[in-house]
Amino acid sequence: SDVNKVTIRAGTSELGTGGVEIKASALYTHPQFDPNAIDYDIALIRLASPLTFGPSISAISLANRRVPDGTSAVVSGWGFLAGGNNNTNPKQLQKVAIPVVSDSECLDFTERRICAGYSNGNQGPCVGDSGGPLAVGNTLIGIVSTGQGCTGISVFSNVANLHSWVTSVAGV
């Protein structure tokens, strides 16, 4: 990817407006990322200048262990509001609470995955939400990776499993 085309926006819940926008200075993709298997699906963006923490911008902790099955987690993003032909992006950040499920319910499970959602549910991440957070309180447990058409159980990159790579690249 061309780092010069990448920016982040922080401190707003409105798509494309408000908050602060900061350019990227470097992009890091996990060296074992497999786009076919969608495994090791994690990347980091180094910012050209630091974020200033305040009422609308704060840090999030990284999970260092898997949460128990059934734990309620919140996924958020500006992805499509529905699958099929109802492909509209909201202007306001969307969020929904979904339960973490057992590894056996996880599509093509690997240790680098954690899954959440309702098997018969119609709320969860959709197209455009990839890369977004799955959080329990102020702890990032997953990153939106892949799913089954915006419904059912979705696959997230398992932050606890990939924690050591993140901290080694970030230098924290």
N, C-alpha and C. Protein backbone atom coordinates (compact mmCIF):
# COMPACT_ATOMS: atom_id res chain seq x y z
N SER A 1 0.83 -1.20 0.00
CA SER A 1 0.00 0.00 0.00
C SER A 1 0.86 1.25 0.00
N ASP A 2 0.33 2.30 -0.56
CA ASP A 2 1.04 3.56 -0.61
C ASP A 2 0.76 4.35 0.66
N VAL A 3 1.74 4.45 1.53
CA VAL A 3 1.56 5.09 2.83
C VAL A 3 1.12 6.55 2.69
N ASN A 4 1.48 7.17 1.58
CA ASN A 4 1.12 8.59 1.39
C ASN A 4 -0.38 8.80 1.18
N LYS A 5 -1.11 7.74 0.90
CA LYS A 5 -2.55 7.84 0.67
C LYS A 5 -3.36 7.49 1.92
N VAL A 6 -2.68 7.14 3.01
CA VAL A 6 -3.37 6.67 4.21
C VAL A 6 -3.41 7.76 5.28
N THR A 7 -4.62 8.00 5.79
CA THR A 7 -4.81 8.89 6.93
C THR A 7 -5.75 8.21 7.91
N ILE A 8 -5.73 8.67 9.14
CA ILE A 8 -6.70 8.22 10.14
C ILE A 8 -7.45 9.45 10.63
N ARG A 9 -8.67 9.23 11.09
CA ARG A 9 -9.45 10.30 11.71
C ARG A 9 -9.83 9.83 13.10
N ALA A 10 -9.62 10.67 14.09
CA ALA A 10 -9.91 10.32 15.49
C ALA A 10 -10.69 11.45 16.15
N GLY A 11 -11.48 11.08 17.15
CA GLY A 11 -12.19 12.07 17.93
C GLY A 11 -13.54 12.47 17.38
N THR A 12 -14.12 11.62 16.54
CA THR A 12 -15.44 11.91 15.99
C THR A 12 -16.18 10.60 15.76
N SER A 13 -17.48 10.67 15.76
CA SER A 13 -18.30 9.50 15.41
C SER A 13 -19.04 9.73 14.10
N GLU A 14 -18.69 10.81 13.39
CA GLU A 14 -19.31 11.11 12.11
C GLU A 14 -18.34 10.78 10.98
N LEU A 15 -18.85 10.10 9.97
CA LEU A 15 -18.02 9.65 8.85
C LEU A 15 -17.45 10.83 8.08
N GLY A 16 -16.10 10.90 8.01
CA GLY A 16 -15.43 11.88 7.16
C GLY A 16 -15.42 13.31 7.64
N THR A 17 -15.84 13.56 8.87
CA THR A 17 -15.89 14.95 9.34
C THR A 17 -15.62 15.00 10.84
N GLY A 18 -15.11 16.14 11.30
CA GLY A 18 -14.86 16.35 12.72
C GLY A 18 -13.59 15.69 13.20
N GLY A 19 -13.28 15.89 14.45
CA GLY A 19 -12.10 15.30 15.04
C GLY A 19 -10.82 15.82 14.41
N VAL A 20 -9.81 14.98 14.39
CA VAL A 20 -8.53 15.33 13.78
C VAL A 20 -8.17 14.27 12.75
N GLU A 21 -7.48 14.69 11.71
CA GLU A 21 -7.01 13.76 10.68
C GLU A 21 -5.48 13.79 10.71
N ILE A 22 -4.88 12.60 10.73
CA ILE A 22 -3.43 12.48 10.81
C ILE A 22 -2.95 11.53 9.73
N LYS A 23 -1.87 11.92 9.05
CA LYS A 23 -1.29 11.08 8.00
C LYS A 23 -0.50 9.92 8.60
N ALA A 24 -0.40 8.86 7.83
CA ALA A 24 0.41 7.71 8.22
C ALA A 24 1.86 7.96 7.80
N SER A 25 2.79 7.44 8.58
CA SER A 25 4.20 7.50 8.18
C SER A 25 4.73 6.12 7.80
N ALA A 26 4.03 5.07 8.23
CA ALA A 26 4.45 3.70 7.87
C ALA A 26 3.27 2.75 8.06
N LEU A 27 3.26 1.69 7.25
CA LEU A 27 2.26 0.64 7.34
C LEU A 27 2.96 -0.69 7.56
N TYR A 28 2.43 -1.51 8.45
CA TYR A 28 3.02 -2.81 8.77
C TYR A 28 1.95 -3.89 8.65
N THR A 29 2.18 -4.86 7.80
CA THR A 29 1.29 -6.02 7.68
C THR A 29 2.00 -7.21 8.30
N HIS A 30 1.26 -8.06 9.01
CA HIS A 30 1.89 -9.23 9.62
C HIS A 30 2.61 -10.03 8.54
N PRO A 31 3.87 -10.41 8.76
CA PRO A 31 4.64 -11.11 7.72
C PRO A 31 4.05 -12.47 7.32
N GLN A 32 3.21 -13.06 8.17
CA GLN A 32 2.60 -14.34 7.84
C GLN A 32 1.17 -14.20 7.32
N PHE A 33 0.74 -12.96 7.04
CA PHE A 33 -0.62 -12.75 6.54
C PHE A 33 -0.85 -13.59 5.30
N ASP A 34 -1.95 -14.33 5.30
CA ASP A 34 -2.35 -15.18 4.18
C ASP A 34 -3.70 -14.70 3.67
N PRO A 35 -3.72 -13.97 2.54
CA PRO A 35 -4.98 -13.43 2.03
C PRO A 35 -5.97 -14.50 1.57
N ASN A 36 -5.48 -15.67 1.23
CA ASN A 36 -6.38 -16.74 0.79
C ASN A 36 -7.08 -17.39 1.98
N ALA A 37 -6.32 -17.67 3.03
CA ALA A 37 -6.89 -18.28 4.24
C ALA A 37 -7.44 -17.22 5.20
N ILE A 38 -7.13 -15.95 4.93
CA ILE A 38 -7.46 -14.84 5.82
C ILE A 38 -6.96 -15.17 7.24
N ASP A 39 -5.67 -15.48 7.31
CA ASP A 39 -5.04 -15.81 8.58
C ASP A 39 -3.95 -14.78 8.86
N TYR A 40 -3.65 -14.55 10.13
CA TYR A 40 -2.73 -13.50 10.56
C TYR A 40 -3.19 -12.16 9.98
N ASP A 41 -4.50 -11.92 10.05
CA ASP A 41 -5.13 -10.76 9.43
C ASP A 41 -5.04 -9.55 10.35
N ILE A 42 -3.85 -8.93 10.36
CA ILE A 42 -3.63 -7.78 11.23
C ILE A 42 -2.57 -6.89 10.59
N ALA A 43 -2.74 -5.60 10.79
CA ALA A 43 -1.78 -4.62 10.30
C ALA A 43 -1.77 -3.44 11.26
N LEU A 44 -0.71 -2.66 11.20
CA LEU A 44 -0.58 -1.48 12.05
C LEU A 44 -0.26 -0.26 11.19
N ILE A 45 -0.71 0.88 11.65
CA ILE A 45 -0.41 2.15 11.00
C ILE A 45 0.41 2.98 11.98
N ARG A 46 1.59 3.42 11.56
CA ARG A 46 2.36 4.36 12.38
C ARG A 46 1.95 5.76 11.94
N LEU A 47 1.63 6.61 12.90
CA LEU A 47 1.17 7.96 12.59
C LEU A 47 2.35 8.91 12.42
N ALA A 48 2.18 9.88 11.51
CA ALA A 48 3.23 10.87 11.26
C ALA A 48 3.38 11.84 12.43
N SER A 49 2.30 12.03 13.19
CA SER A 49 2.36 12.86 14.39
C SER A 49 1.48 12.21 15.45
N PRO A 50 1.77 12.48 16.72
CA PRO A 50 1.02 11.80 17.79
C PRO A 50 -0.40 12.34 17.95
N LEU A 51 -1.27 11.48 18.44
CA LEU A 51 -2.62 11.90 18.82
C LEU A 51 -2.55 12.62 20.16
N THR A 52 -3.41 13.59 20.34
CA THR A 52 -3.53 14.26 21.63
C THR A 52 -4.75 13.70 22.33
N PHE A 53 -4.53 13.03 23.46
CA PHE A 53 -5.64 12.43 24.19
C PHE A 53 -6.47 13.50 24.88
N GLY A 54 -7.76 13.26 24.93
CA GLY A 54 -8.69 14.20 25.55
C GLY A 54 -10.04 13.52 25.69
N PRO A 55 -11.11 14.31 25.85
CA PRO A 55 -12.45 13.74 26.07
C PRO A 55 -12.92 12.80 24.96
N SER A 56 -12.51 13.04 23.72
CA SER A 56 -13.00 12.21 22.61
C SER A 56 -11.93 11.33 21.98
N ILE A 57 -10.70 11.36 22.51
CA ILE A 57 -9.63 10.50 21.99
C ILE A 57 -8.90 9.88 23.18
N SER A 58 -8.87 8.55 23.23
CA SER A 58 -8.16 7.87 24.31
C SER A 58 -7.58 6.56 23.79
N ALA A 59 -6.65 6.02 24.53
CA ALA A 59 -6.03 4.75 24.18
C ALA A 59 -6.96 3.60 24.56
N ILE A 60 -6.74 2.45 23.93
CA ILE A 60 -7.47 1.23 24.29
C ILE A 60 -6.42 0.17 24.64
N SER A 61 -6.72 -0.62 25.64
CA SER A 61 -5.81 -1.70 26.04
C SER A 61 -5.90 -2.84 25.04
N LEU A 62 -4.83 -3.60 24.92
CA LEU A 62 -4.82 -4.79 24.06
C LEU A 62 -5.01 -6.02 24.92
N ALA A 63 -5.92 -6.90 24.51
CA ALA A 63 -6.15 -8.14 25.25
C ALA A 63 -4.88 -8.98 25.26
N ASN A 64 -4.61 -9.61 26.39
CA ASN A 64 -3.48 -10.54 26.44
C ASN A 64 -3.92 -11.95 26.78
N ARG A 65 -5.24 -12.14 26.90
CA ARG A 65 -5.81 -13.48 27.05
C ARG A 65 -7.20 -13.49 26.46
N ARG A 66 -7.63 -14.67 26.02
CA ARG A 66 -8.95 -14.80 25.41
C ARG A 66 -10.03 -14.64 26.46
N VAL A 67 -11.09 -13.93 26.11
CA VAL A 67 -12.21 -13.77 27.05
C VAL A 67 -13.07 -15.03 27.01
N PRO A 68 -13.83 -15.30 28.08
CA PRO A 68 -14.67 -16.51 28.10
C PRO A 68 -15.80 -16.45 27.06
N ASP A 69 -16.20 -17.63 26.59
CA ASP A 69 -17.35 -17.73 25.70
C ASP A 69 -18.54 -17.07 26.37
N GLY A 70 -19.36 -16.39 25.58
CA GLY A 70 -20.54 -15.73 26.11
C GLY A 70 -20.31 -14.29 26.55
N THR A 71 -19.04 -13.87 26.63
CA THR A 71 -18.74 -12.48 26.99
C THR A 71 -19.33 -11.54 25.95
N SER A 72 -20.01 -10.51 26.42
CA SER A 72 -20.58 -9.52 25.50
C SER A 72 -19.48 -8.57 25.05
N ALA A 73 -19.38 -8.37 23.73
CA ALA A 73 -18.37 -7.49 23.15
C ALA A 73 -19.06 -6.54 22.18
N VAL A 74 -18.49 -5.36 22.01
CA VAL A 74 -19.08 -4.35 21.13
C VAL A 74 -18.22 -4.22 19.87
N VAL A 75 -18.88 -4.35 18.71
CA VAL A 75 -18.22 -4.11 17.43
C VAL A 75 -18.78 -2.81 16.87
N SER A 76 -17.91 -2.01 16.25
CA SER A 76 -18.37 -0.73 15.71
C SER A 76 -17.75 -0.46 14.35
N GLY A 77 -18.43 0.38 13.58
CA GLY A 77 -17.91 0.75 12.26
C GLY A 77 -18.90 1.54 11.44
N TRP A 78 -18.44 1.92 10.25
CA TRP A 78 -19.25 2.66 9.30
C TRP A 78 -19.59 1.81 8.08
N GLY A 79 -19.54 0.49 8.25
CA GLY A 79 -19.84 -0.41 7.13
C GLY A 79 -21.31 -0.41 6.75
N PHE A 80 -21.62 -1.16 5.70
CA PHE A 80 -23.00 -1.26 5.21
C PHE A 80 -23.94 -1.61 6.35
N LEU A 81 -25.15 -1.08 6.27
CA LEU A 81 -26.17 -1.34 7.29
C LEU A 81 -26.89 -2.65 7.07
N ALA A 82 -26.77 -3.22 5.87
CA ALA A 82 -27.41 -4.51 5.57
C ALA A 82 -26.68 -5.14 4.39
N GLY A 83 -26.85 -6.45 4.24
CA GLY A 83 -26.26 -7.13 3.10
C GLY A 83 -27.18 -7.03 1.89
N GLY A 84 -26.91 -7.83 0.89
CA GLY A 84 -27.76 -7.85 -0.29
C GLY A 84 -27.70 -6.54 -1.06
N ASN A 85 -28.87 -6.05 -1.48
CA ASN A 85 -28.92 -4.82 -2.26
C ASN A 85 -29.15 -3.57 -1.42
N ASN A 86 -29.14 -3.73 -0.10
CA ASN A 86 -29.36 -2.58 0.79
C ASN A 86 -28.03 -2.00 1.25
N ASN A 87 -27.13 -1.79 0.32
CA ASN A 87 -25.78 -1.38 0.67
C ASN A 87 -25.69 0.13 0.85
N THR A 88 -25.92 0.58 2.07
CA THR A 88 -25.78 2.00 2.39
C THR A 88 -24.86 2.14 3.58
N ASN A 89 -23.98 3.14 3.51
CA ASN A 89 -23.09 3.44 4.63
C ASN A 89 -23.73 4.51 5.50
N PRO A 90 -23.72 4.33 6.80
CA PRO A 90 -24.26 5.35 7.68
C PRO A 90 -23.30 6.54 7.79
N LYS A 91 -23.81 7.67 8.18
CA LYS A 91 -22.96 8.85 8.44
C LYS A 91 -22.50 8.85 9.90
N GLN A 92 -23.27 8.15 10.75
CA GLN A 92 -22.97 8.09 12.18
C GLN A 92 -22.40 6.71 12.50
N LEU A 93 -21.34 6.65 13.30
CA LEU A 93 -20.73 5.39 13.70
C LEU A 93 -21.78 4.47 14.32
N GLN A 94 -21.81 3.23 13.88
CA GLN A 94 -22.75 2.23 14.38
C GLN A 94 -22.03 1.29 15.34
N LYS A 95 -22.79 0.73 16.31
CA LYS A 95 -22.21 -0.26 17.21
C LYS A 95 -23.29 -1.24 17.61
N VAL A 96 -22.85 -2.47 17.92
CA VAL A 96 -23.78 -3.49 18.40
C VAL A 96 -23.02 -4.43 19.33
N ALA A 97 -23.70 -4.87 20.37
CA ALA A 97 -23.12 -5.83 21.30
C ALA A 97 -23.45 -7.24 20.82
N ILE A 98 -22.42 -8.09 20.74
CA ILE A 98 -22.60 -9.48 20.32
C ILE A 98 -21.77 -10.37 21.25
N PRO A 99 -22.19 -11.64 21.43
CA PRO A 99 -21.45 -12.52 22.34
C PRO A 99 -20.28 -13.22 21.64
N VAL A 100 -19.19 -13.36 22.39
CA VAL A 100 -18.08 -14.19 21.92
C VAL A 100 -18.56 -15.64 21.94
N VAL A 101 -18.24 -16.40 20.91
CA VAL A 101 -18.69 -17.80 20.82
C VAL A 101 -17.50 -18.75 20.92
N SER A 102 -17.80 -20.02 21.08
CA SER A 102 -16.74 -21.02 21.23
C SER A 102 -15.97 -21.18 19.92
N ASP A 103 -14.75 -21.66 20.04
CA ASP A 103 -13.91 -21.89 18.86
C ASP A 103 -14.57 -22.85 17.88
N SER A 104 -15.35 -23.80 18.38
CA SER A 104 -15.99 -24.79 17.50
C SER A 104 -17.05 -24.15 16.60
N GLU A 105 -17.55 -22.97 16.99
CA GLU A 105 -18.54 -22.26 16.18
C GLU A 105 -17.87 -21.29 15.21
N CYS A 106 -16.55 -21.25 15.25
CA CYS A 106 -15.77 -20.30 14.46
C CYS A 106 -15.41 -20.90 13.10
N LEU A 107 -15.73 -20.19 12.04
CA LEU A 107 -15.46 -20.64 10.67
C LEU A 107 -13.96 -20.83 10.46
N ASP A 108 -13.55 -22.03 10.02
CA ASP A 108 -12.14 -22.32 9.73
C ASP A 108 -11.22 -21.84 10.86
N PHE A 109 -11.53 -22.26 12.08
CA PHE A 109 -10.82 -21.76 13.26
C PHE A 109 -9.32 -21.96 13.19
N THR A 110 -8.59 -20.90 13.56
CA THR A 110 -7.16 -20.99 13.88
C THR A 110 -6.99 -20.23 15.20
N GLU A 111 -5.84 -20.37 15.84
CA GLU A 111 -5.57 -19.66 17.09
C GLU A 111 -5.56 -18.15 16.89
N ARG A 112 -5.39 -17.71 15.66
CA ARG A 112 -5.37 -16.27 15.37
C ARG A 112 -6.77 -15.70 15.16
N ARG A 113 -7.80 -16.48 15.45
CA ARG A 113 -9.18 -16.04 15.26
C ARG A 113 -9.95 -16.10 16.57
N ILE A 114 -10.89 -15.19 16.69
CA ILE A 114 -11.89 -15.24 17.75
C ILE A 114 -13.21 -14.88 17.07
N CYS A 115 -14.28 -15.55 17.44
CA CYS A 115 -15.55 -15.33 16.75
C CYS A 115 -16.61 -14.81 17.71
N ALA A 116 -17.54 -14.05 17.16
CA ALA A 116 -18.61 -13.48 17.97
C ALA A 116 -19.84 -13.27 17.09
N GLY A 117 -20.99 -13.31 17.73
CA GLY A 117 -22.24 -13.08 17.02
C GLY A 117 -23.29 -14.08 17.44
N TYR A 118 -24.46 -13.94 16.85
CA TYR A 118 -25.57 -14.87 17.08
C TYR A 118 -25.74 -15.71 15.83
N SER A 119 -25.78 -17.04 15.97
CA SER A 119 -25.87 -17.90 14.79
C SER A 119 -27.09 -17.59 13.94
N ASN A 120 -28.16 -17.13 14.55
CA ASN A 120 -29.37 -16.78 13.80
C ASN A 120 -29.60 -15.27 13.80
N GLY A 121 -28.56 -14.51 14.13
CA GLY A 121 -28.71 -13.06 14.28
C GLY A 121 -28.55 -12.29 13.00
N ASN A 122 -29.10 -11.09 12.98
CA ASN A 122 -28.98 -10.26 11.79
C ASN A 122 -28.25 -8.96 12.09
N GLN A 123 -27.52 -8.93 13.21
CA GLN A 123 -26.70 -7.77 13.52
C GLN A 123 -25.27 -8.20 13.73
N GLY A 124 -24.36 -7.44 13.15
CA GLY A 124 -22.94 -7.73 13.27
C GLY A 124 -22.20 -6.90 12.25
N PRO A 125 -20.90 -7.11 12.14
CA PRO A 125 -20.13 -6.34 11.17
C PRO A 125 -20.54 -6.69 9.74
N CYS A 126 -20.33 -5.73 8.83
CA CYS A 126 -20.71 -5.92 7.43
C CYS A 126 -19.59 -5.36 6.55
N VAL A 127 -19.80 -5.37 5.24
CA VAL A 127 -18.82 -4.84 4.29
C VAL A 127 -18.50 -3.40 4.66
N GLY A 128 -17.23 -3.10 4.78
CA GLY A 128 -16.80 -1.76 5.16
C GLY A 128 -16.39 -1.65 6.62
N ASP A 129 -16.69 -2.67 7.42
CA ASP A 129 -16.31 -2.67 8.83
C ASP A 129 -14.96 -3.32 9.08
N SER A 130 -14.38 -3.98 8.07
CA SER A 130 -13.11 -4.68 8.25
C SER A 130 -12.05 -3.75 8.83
N GLY A 131 -11.30 -4.30 9.79
CA GLY A 131 -10.27 -3.52 10.46
C GLY A 131 -10.77 -2.80 11.69
N GLY A 132 -12.08 -2.84 11.92
CA GLY A 132 -12.67 -2.15 13.06
C GLY A 132 -12.55 -2.96 14.34
N PRO A 133 -12.86 -2.33 15.47
CA PRO A 133 -12.65 -2.96 16.78
C PRO A 133 -13.79 -3.86 17.26
N LEU A 134 -13.40 -4.90 17.99
CA LEU A 134 -14.30 -5.69 18.82
C LEU A 134 -13.75 -5.52 20.23
N ALA A 135 -14.52 -4.85 21.09
CA ALA A 135 -14.00 -4.47 22.40
C ALA A 135 -14.89 -4.96 23.53
N VAL A 136 -14.25 -5.27 24.64
CA VAL A 136 -14.93 -5.54 25.90
C VAL A 136 -14.46 -4.45 26.85
N GLY A 137 -15.38 -3.52 27.17
CA GLY A 137 -14.98 -2.36 27.96
C GLY A 137 -13.94 -1.57 27.18
N ASN A 138 -12.82 -1.29 27.83
CA ASN A 138 -11.74 -0.54 27.20
C ASN A 138 -10.60 -1.45 26.75
N THR A 139 -10.95 -2.70 26.38
CA THR A 139 -9.93 -3.65 25.93
C THR A 139 -10.29 -4.16 24.53
N LEU A 140 -9.35 -4.03 23.62
CA LEU A 140 -9.52 -4.53 22.25
C LEU A 140 -9.25 -6.02 22.24
N ILE A 141 -10.29 -6.83 21.93
CA ILE A 141 -10.11 -8.28 21.91
C ILE A 141 -10.07 -8.83 20.48
N GLY A 142 -10.60 -8.07 19.53
CA GLY A 142 -10.64 -8.55 18.15
C GLY A 142 -10.64 -7.41 17.15
N ILE A 143 -10.34 -7.77 15.90
CA ILE A 143 -10.36 -6.84 14.78
C ILE A 143 -11.20 -7.49 13.70
N VAL A 144 -12.20 -6.76 13.19
CA VAL A 144 -13.11 -7.32 12.17
C VAL A 144 -12.29 -7.89 11.02
N SER A 145 -12.50 -9.17 10.71
CA SER A 145 -11.75 -9.84 9.66
C SER A 145 -12.66 -10.30 8.52
N THR A 146 -13.53 -11.28 8.79
CA THR A 146 -14.39 -11.82 7.74
C THR A 146 -15.69 -12.33 8.36
N GLY A 147 -16.62 -12.65 7.52
CA GLY A 147 -17.91 -13.11 8.05
C GLY A 147 -18.73 -13.80 6.98
N GLN A 148 -20.01 -13.93 7.28
CA GLN A 148 -20.92 -14.65 6.40
C GLN A 148 -22.04 -13.73 5.94
N GLY A 149 -21.69 -12.69 5.19
CA GLY A 149 -22.71 -11.82 4.62
C GLY A 149 -23.44 -10.94 5.60
N CYS A 150 -22.76 -10.42 6.58
CA CYS A 150 -23.31 -9.42 7.51
C CYS A 150 -24.28 -10.00 8.53
N THR A 151 -24.40 -11.31 8.61
CA THR A 151 -25.29 -11.92 9.60
C THR A 151 -24.56 -13.09 10.26
N GLY A 152 -25.14 -13.58 11.32
CA GLY A 152 -24.58 -14.77 11.97
C GLY A 152 -23.30 -14.49 12.72
N ILE A 153 -22.45 -15.50 12.77
CA ILE A 153 -21.21 -15.43 13.52
C ILE A 153 -20.12 -14.86 12.63
N SER A 154 -19.42 -13.86 13.14
CA SER A 154 -18.36 -13.20 12.38
C SER A 154 -16.99 -13.58 12.94
N VAL A 155 -15.99 -13.47 12.08
CA VAL A 155 -14.61 -13.82 12.43
C VAL A 155 -13.81 -12.53 12.67
N PHE A 156 -13.07 -12.54 13.75
CA PHE A 156 -12.23 -11.40 14.13
C PHE A 156 -10.80 -11.90 14.32
N SER A 157 -9.83 -11.07 14.04
CA SER A 157 -8.45 -11.41 14.39
C SER A 157 -8.35 -11.37 15.92
N ASN A 158 -7.69 -12.37 16.48
CA ASN A 158 -7.60 -12.54 17.93
C ASN A 158 -6.43 -11.71 18.47
N VAL A 159 -6.74 -10.57 19.05
CA VAL A 159 -5.71 -9.65 19.53
C VAL A 159 -4.82 -10.31 20.59
N ALA A 160 -5.40 -11.10 21.48
CA ALA A 160 -4.59 -11.75 22.51
C ALA A 160 -3.52 -12.64 21.88
N ASN A 161 -3.86 -13.36 20.82
CA ASN A 161 -2.91 -14.24 20.17
C ASN A 161 -1.84 -13.47 19.40
N LEU A 162 -2.21 -12.32 18.85
CA LEU A 162 -1.31 -11.53 18.01
C LEU A 162 -0.65 -10.38 18.78
N HIS A 163 -0.89 -10.35 20.08
CA HIS A 163 -0.41 -9.29 20.97
C HIS A 163 1.10 -9.07 20.87
N SER A 164 1.87 -10.14 20.88
CA SER A 164 3.34 -9.99 20.88
C SER A 164 3.84 -9.35 19.59
N TRP A 165 3.20 -9.66 18.44
CA TRP A 165 3.59 -9.02 17.18
C TRP A 165 3.28 -7.53 17.24
N VAL A 166 2.09 -7.18 17.73
CA VAL A 166 1.70 -5.76 17.83
C VAL A 166 2.69 -5.00 18.69
N THR A 167 2.99 -5.51 19.86
CA THR A 167 3.89 -4.79 20.77
C THR A 167 5.30 -4.73 20.22
N SER A 168 5.77 -5.75 19.51
CA SER A 168 7.12 -5.70 18.95
C SER A 168 7.22 -4.66 17.84
N VAL A 169 6.20 -4.57 17.00
CA VAL A 169 6.21 -3.59 15.90
C VAL A 169 6.02 -2.17 16.45
N ALA A 170 5.11 -2.03 17.40
CA ALA A 170 4.80 -0.71 17.96
C ALA A 170 5.87 -0.22 18.92
N GLY A 171 6.67 -1.15 19.43
CA GLY A 171 7.72 -0.77 20.37
C GLY A 171 7.19 -0.37 21.74
N VAL A 172 6.10 -1.04 22.13
CA VAL A 172 5.52 -0.74 23.46
C VAL A 172 5.59 -1.95 24.37
